[in-house]
Amino acid sequence: MARVTVPDERWLEFRALAIRRKRSVTAYLGHLVQKELDRAGGSSGSEGCVN
């Protein structure tokens, strides 16, 4: 589960971007998290909890 704090207008922009890329918001957010972990040399995709 993820919780993000951003202004409503930014969240709406993010949702629109996910839709334009033909992904659910959940899938797109997961993709971005995994991409950042890969870039930083982090997790290899195993499930976990980050708060």
PDB file of N, CA and C in Angstrom:
ATOM      1  N   MET A   1       0.838  -1.163   0.000  1.00  0.00           N
ATOM      2  CA  MET A   1       0.000   0.000   0.000  1.00  0.00           C
ATOM      3  C   MET A   1       0.893   1.238   0.000  1.00  0.00           C
ATOM      4  N   ALA A   2       0.475   2.234  -0.713  1.00  0.00           N
ATOM      5  CA  ALA A   2       1.231   3.482  -0.765  1.00  0.00           C
ATOM      6  C   ALA A   2       0.303   4.649  -0.448  1.00  0.00           C
ATOM      7  N   ARG A   3       0.854   5.615   0.198  1.00  0.00           N
ATOM      8  CA  ARG A   3       0.125   6.851   0.464  1.00  0.00           C
ATOM      9  C   ARG A   3       1.023   7.989   0.027  1.00  0.00           C
ATOM     10  N   VAL A   4       0.462   8.866  -0.754  1.00  0.00           N
ATOM     11  CA  VAL A   4       1.242   9.999  -1.233  1.00  0.00           C
ATOM     12  C   VAL A   4       0.522  11.290  -0.865  1.00  0.00           C
ATOM     13  N   THR A   5       1.295  12.304  -0.633  1.00  0.00           N
ATOM     14  CA  THR A   5       0.731  13.605  -0.315  1.00  0.00           C
ATOM     15  C   THR A   5       1.184  14.586  -1.384  1.00  0.00           C
ATOM     16  N   VAL A   6       0.257  14.922  -2.236  1.00  0.00           N
ATOM     17  CA  VAL A   6       0.513  15.907  -3.287  1.00  0.00           C
ATOM     18  C   VAL A   6      -0.746  16.752  -3.435  1.00  0.00           C
ATOM     19  N   PRO A   7      -0.603  17.952  -3.971  1.00  0.00           N
ATOM     20  CA  PRO A   7      -1.796  18.764  -4.221  1.00  0.00           C
ATOM     21  C   PRO A   7      -2.738  18.039  -5.193  1.00  0.00           C
ATOM     22  N   ASP A   8      -4.025  18.281  -5.032  1.00  0.00           N
ATOM     23  CA  ASP A   8      -5.033  17.637  -5.879  1.00  0.00           C
ATOM     24  C   ASP A   8      -4.749  17.804  -7.369  1.00  0.00           C
ATOM     25  N   GLU A   9      -4.333  18.992  -7.771  1.00  0.00           N
ATOM     26  CA  GLU A   9      -4.085  19.226  -9.199  1.00  0.00           C
ATOM     27  C   GLU A   9      -2.945  18.348  -9.726  1.00  0.00           C
ATOM     28  N   ARG A  10      -1.927  18.119  -8.907  1.00  0.00           N
ATOM     29  CA  ARG A  10      -0.811  17.253  -9.328  1.00  0.00           C
ATOM     30  C   ARG A  10      -1.275  15.805  -9.442  1.00  0.00           C
ATOM     31  N   TRP A  11      -2.116  15.357  -8.492  1.00  0.00           N
ATOM     32  CA  TRP A  11      -2.631  13.993  -8.535  1.00  0.00           C
ATOM     33  C   TRP A  11      -3.476  13.791  -9.787  1.00  0.00           C
ATOM     34  N   LEU A  12      -4.288  14.783 -10.137  1.00  0.00           N
ATOM     35  CA  LEU A  12      -5.099  14.686 -11.353  1.00  0.00           C
ATOM     36  C   LEU A  12      -4.210  14.618 -12.597  1.00  0.00           C
ATOM     37  N   GLU A  13      -3.118  15.369 -12.609  1.00  0.00           N
ATOM     38  CA  GLU A  13      -2.170  15.305 -13.724  1.00  0.00           C
ATOM     39  C   GLU A  13      -1.546  13.913 -13.817  1.00  0.00           C
ATOM     40  N   PHE A  14      -1.181  13.351 -12.670  1.00  0.00           N
ATOM     41  CA  PHE A  14      -0.589  12.019 -12.639  1.00  0.00           C
ATOM     42  C   PHE A  14      -1.577  10.984 -13.157  1.00  0.00           C
ATOM     43  N   ARG A  15      -2.816  11.058 -12.700  1.00  0.00           N
ATOM     44  CA  ARG A  15      -3.854  10.123 -13.162  1.00  0.00           C
ATOM     45  C   ARG A  15      -4.034  10.220 -14.677  1.00  0.00           C
ATOM     46  N   ALA A  16      -4.066  11.448 -15.187  1.00  0.00           N
ATOM     47  CA  ALA A  16      -4.229  11.646 -16.629  1.00  0.00           C
ATOM     48  C   ALA A  16      -3.040  11.050 -17.391  1.00  0.00           C
ATOM     49  N   LEU A  17      -1.841  11.213 -16.862  1.00  0.00           N
ATOM     50  CA  LEU A  17      -0.646  10.656 -17.496  1.00  0.00           C
ATOM     51  C   LEU A  17      -0.716   9.134 -17.526  1.00  0.00           C
ATOM     52  N   ALA A  18      -1.125   8.526 -16.431  1.00  0.00           N
ATOM     53  CA  ALA A  18      -1.262   7.069 -16.385  1.00  0.00           C
ATOM     54  C   ALA A  18      -2.262   6.597 -17.439  1.00  0.00           C
ATOM     55  N   ILE A  19      -3.372   7.276 -17.551  1.00  0.00           N
ATOM     56  CA  ILE A  19      -4.394   6.906 -18.537  1.00  0.00           C
ATOM     57  C   ILE A  19      -3.852   7.050 -19.952  1.00  0.00           C
ATOM     58  N   ARG A  20      -3.141   8.144 -20.217  1.00  0.00           N
ATOM     59  CA  ARG A  20      -2.548   8.329 -21.562  1.00  0.00           C
ATOM     60  C   ARG A  20      -1.574   7.207 -21.891  1.00  0.00           C
ATOM     61  N   ARG A  21      -0.928   6.652 -20.878  1.00  0.00           N
ATOM     62  CA  ARG A  21       0.017   5.550 -21.098  1.00  0.00           C
ATOM     63  C   ARG A  21      -0.657   4.181 -21.014  1.00  0.00           C
ATOM     64  N   LYS A  22      -1.995   4.223 -20.955  1.00  0.00           N
ATOM     65  CA  LYS A  22      -2.825   3.003 -20.943  1.00  0.00           C
ATOM     66  C   LYS A  22      -2.482   2.084 -19.774  1.00  0.00           C
ATOM     67  N   ARG A  23      -2.320   2.675 -18.598  1.00  0.00           N
ATOM     68  CA  ARG A  23      -2.041   1.926 -17.373  1.00  0.00           C
ATOM     69  C   ARG A  23      -3.000   2.398 -16.290  1.00  0.00           C
ATOM     70  N   SER A  24      -3.262   1.505 -15.357  1.00  0.00           N
ATOM     71  CA  SER A  24      -4.009   1.942 -14.175  1.00  0.00           C
ATOM     72  C   SER A  24      -3.082   2.814 -13.339  1.00  0.00           C
ATOM     73  N   VAL A  25      -3.660   3.628 -12.490  1.00  0.00           N
ATOM     74  CA  VAL A  25      -2.852   4.461 -11.604  1.00  0.00           C
ATOM     75  C   VAL A  25      -1.955   3.575 -10.742  1.00  0.00           C
ATOM     76  N   THR A  26      -2.512   2.481 -10.243  1.00  0.00           N
ATOM     77  CA  THR A  26      -1.751   1.565  -9.395  1.00  0.00           C
ATOM     78  C   THR A  26      -0.572   0.965 -10.141  1.00  0.00           C
ATOM     79  N   ALA A  27      -0.819   0.498 -11.360  1.00  0.00           N
ATOM     80  CA  ALA A  27       0.248  -0.113 -12.155  1.00  0.00           C
ATOM     81  C   ALA A  27       1.326   0.916 -12.505  1.00  0.00           C
ATOM     82  N   TYR A  28       0.906   2.128 -12.846  1.00  0.00           N
ATOM     83  CA  TYR A  28       1.874   3.150 -13.225  1.00  0.00           C
ATOM     84  C   TYR A  28       2.716   3.580 -12.026  1.00  0.00           C
ATOM     85  N   LEU A  29       2.088   3.728 -10.863  1.00  0.00           N
ATOM     86  CA  LEU A  29       2.838   4.080  -9.668  1.00  0.00           C
ATOM     87  C   LEU A  29       3.827   2.974  -9.314  1.00  0.00           C
ATOM     88  N   GLY A  30       3.397   1.726  -9.420  1.00  0.00           N
ATOM     89  CA  GLY A  30       4.292   0.604  -9.172  1.00  0.00           C
ATOM     90  C   GLY A  30       5.468   0.595 -10.130  1.00  0.00           C
ATOM     91  N   HIS A  31       5.199   0.903 -11.395  1.00  0.00           N
ATOM     92  CA  HIS A  31       6.259   0.977 -12.404  1.00  0.00           C
ATOM     93  C   HIS A  31       7.292   2.048 -12.029  1.00  0.00           C
ATOM     94  N   LEU A  32       6.817   3.209 -11.612  1.00  0.00           N
ATOM     95  CA  LEU A  32       7.731   4.285 -11.243  1.00  0.00           C
ATOM     96  C   LEU A  32       8.566   3.925 -10.018  1.00  0.00           C
ATOM     97  N   VAL A  33       7.950   3.274  -9.034  1.00  0.00           N
ATOM     98  CA  VAL A  33       8.687   2.856  -7.841  1.00  0.00           C
ATOM     99  C   VAL A  33       9.764   1.849  -8.220  1.00  0.00           C
ATOM    100  N   GLN A  34       9.411   0.853  -9.033  1.00  0.00           N
ATOM    101  CA  GLN A  34      10.390  -0.160  -9.430  1.00  0.00           C
ATOM    102  C   GLN A  34      11.531   0.456 -10.238  1.00  0.00           C
ATOM    103  N   LYS A  35      11.181   1.385 -11.122  1.00  0.00           N
ATOM    104  CA  LYS A  35      12.196   2.060 -11.932  1.00  0.00           C
ATOM    105  C   LYS A  35      13.183   2.827 -11.048  1.00  0.00           C
ATOM    106  N   GLU A  36      12.678   3.491 -10.027  1.00  0.00           N
ATOM    107  CA  GLU A  36      13.547   4.234  -9.112  1.00  0.00           C
ATOM    108  C   GLU A  36      14.420   3.283  -8.301  1.00  0.00           C
ATOM    109  N   LEU A  37      13.847   2.171  -7.836  1.00  0.00           N
ATOM    110  CA  LEU A  37      14.647   1.190  -7.098  1.00  0.00           C
ATOM    111  C   LEU A  37      15.745   0.605  -7.979  1.00  0.00           C
ATOM    112  N   ASP A  38      15.419   0.297  -9.225  1.00  0.00           N
ATOM    113  CA  ASP A  38      16.424  -0.226 -10.155  1.00  0.00           C
ATOM    114  C   ASP A  38      17.543   0.797 -10.378  1.00  0.00           C
ATOM    115  N   ARG A  39      17.152   2.061 -10.530  1.00  0.00           N
ATOM    116  CA  ARG A  39      18.126   3.129 -10.767  1.00  0.00           C
ATOM    117  C   ARG A  39      19.056   3.268  -9.568  1.00  0.00           C
ATOM    118  N   ALA A  40      18.497   3.137  -8.387  1.00  0.00           N
ATOM    119  CA  ALA A  40      19.276   3.311  -7.163  1.00  0.00           C
ATOM    120  C   ALA A  40      19.974   2.040  -6.717  1.00  0.00           C
ATOM    121  N   GLY A  41      19.774   0.953  -7.475  1.00  0.00           N
ATOM    122  CA  GLY A  41      20.403  -0.303  -7.122  1.00  0.00           C
ATOM    123  C   GLY A  41      19.717  -0.999  -5.962  1.00  0.00           C
ATOM    124  N   GLY A  42      18.415  -0.756  -5.837  1.00  0.00           N
ATOM    125  CA  GLY A  42      17.656  -1.308  -4.712  1.00  0.00           C
ATOM    126  C   GLY A  42      17.067  -2.664  -5.017  1.00  0.00           C
ATOM    127  N   SER A  43      15.902  -2.885  -4.512  1.00  0.00           N
ATOM    128  CA  SER A  43      15.182  -4.160  -4.565  1.00  0.00           C
ATOM    129  C   SER A  43      15.106  -4.737  -5.958  1.00  0.00           C
ATOM    130  N   SER A  44      15.135  -6.058  -6.026  1.00  0.00           N
ATOM    131  CA  SER A  44      15.042  -6.745  -7.320  1.00  0.00           C
ATOM    132  C   SER A  44      13.604  -7.106  -7.644  1.00  0.00           C
ATOM    133  N   GLY A  45      12.643  -6.448  -7.015  1.00  0.00           N
ATOM    134  CA  GLY A  45      11.256  -6.694  -7.328  1.00  0.00           C
ATOM    135  C   GLY A  45      10.512  -7.508  -6.296  1.00  0.00           C
ATOM    136  N   SER A  46      11.168  -7.874  -5.200  1.00  0.00           N
ATOM    137  CA  SER A  46      10.448  -8.620  -4.183  1.00  0.00           C
ATOM    138  C   SER A  46       9.470  -7.700  -3.470  1.00  0.00           C
ATOM    139  N   GLU A  47       8.359  -8.293  -3.045  1.00  0.00           N
ATOM    140  CA  GLU A  47       7.336  -7.499  -2.376  1.00  0.00           C
ATOM    141  C   GLU A  47       7.806  -7.123  -0.989  1.00  0.00           C
ATOM    142  N   GLY A  48       7.366  -5.974  -0.544  1.00  0.00           N
ATOM    143  CA  GLY A  48       7.712  -5.521   0.783  1.00  0.00           C
ATOM    144  C   GLY A  48       6.881  -4.329   1.136  1.00  0.00           C
ATOM    145  N   CYS A  49       7.167  -3.767   2.255  1.00  0.00           N
ATOM    146  CA  CYS A  49       6.418  -2.613   2.731  1.00  0.00           C
ATOM    147  C   CYS A  49       7.389  -1.469   2.953  1.00  0.00           C
ATOM    148  N   VAL A  50       7.090  -0.344   2.351  1.00  0.00           N
ATOM    149  CA  VAL A  50       7.909   0.846   2.525  1.00  0.00           C
ATOM    150  C   VAL A  50       7.011   1.939   3.040  1.00  0.00           C
ATOM    151  N   ASN A  51       7.355   2.532   4.153  1.00  0.00           N
ATOM    152  CA  ASN A  51       6.561   3.637   4.709  1.00  0.00           C
ATOM    153  C   ASN A  51       7.362   4.900   4.709  1.00  0.00           C
TER     154      ASN A  51
END
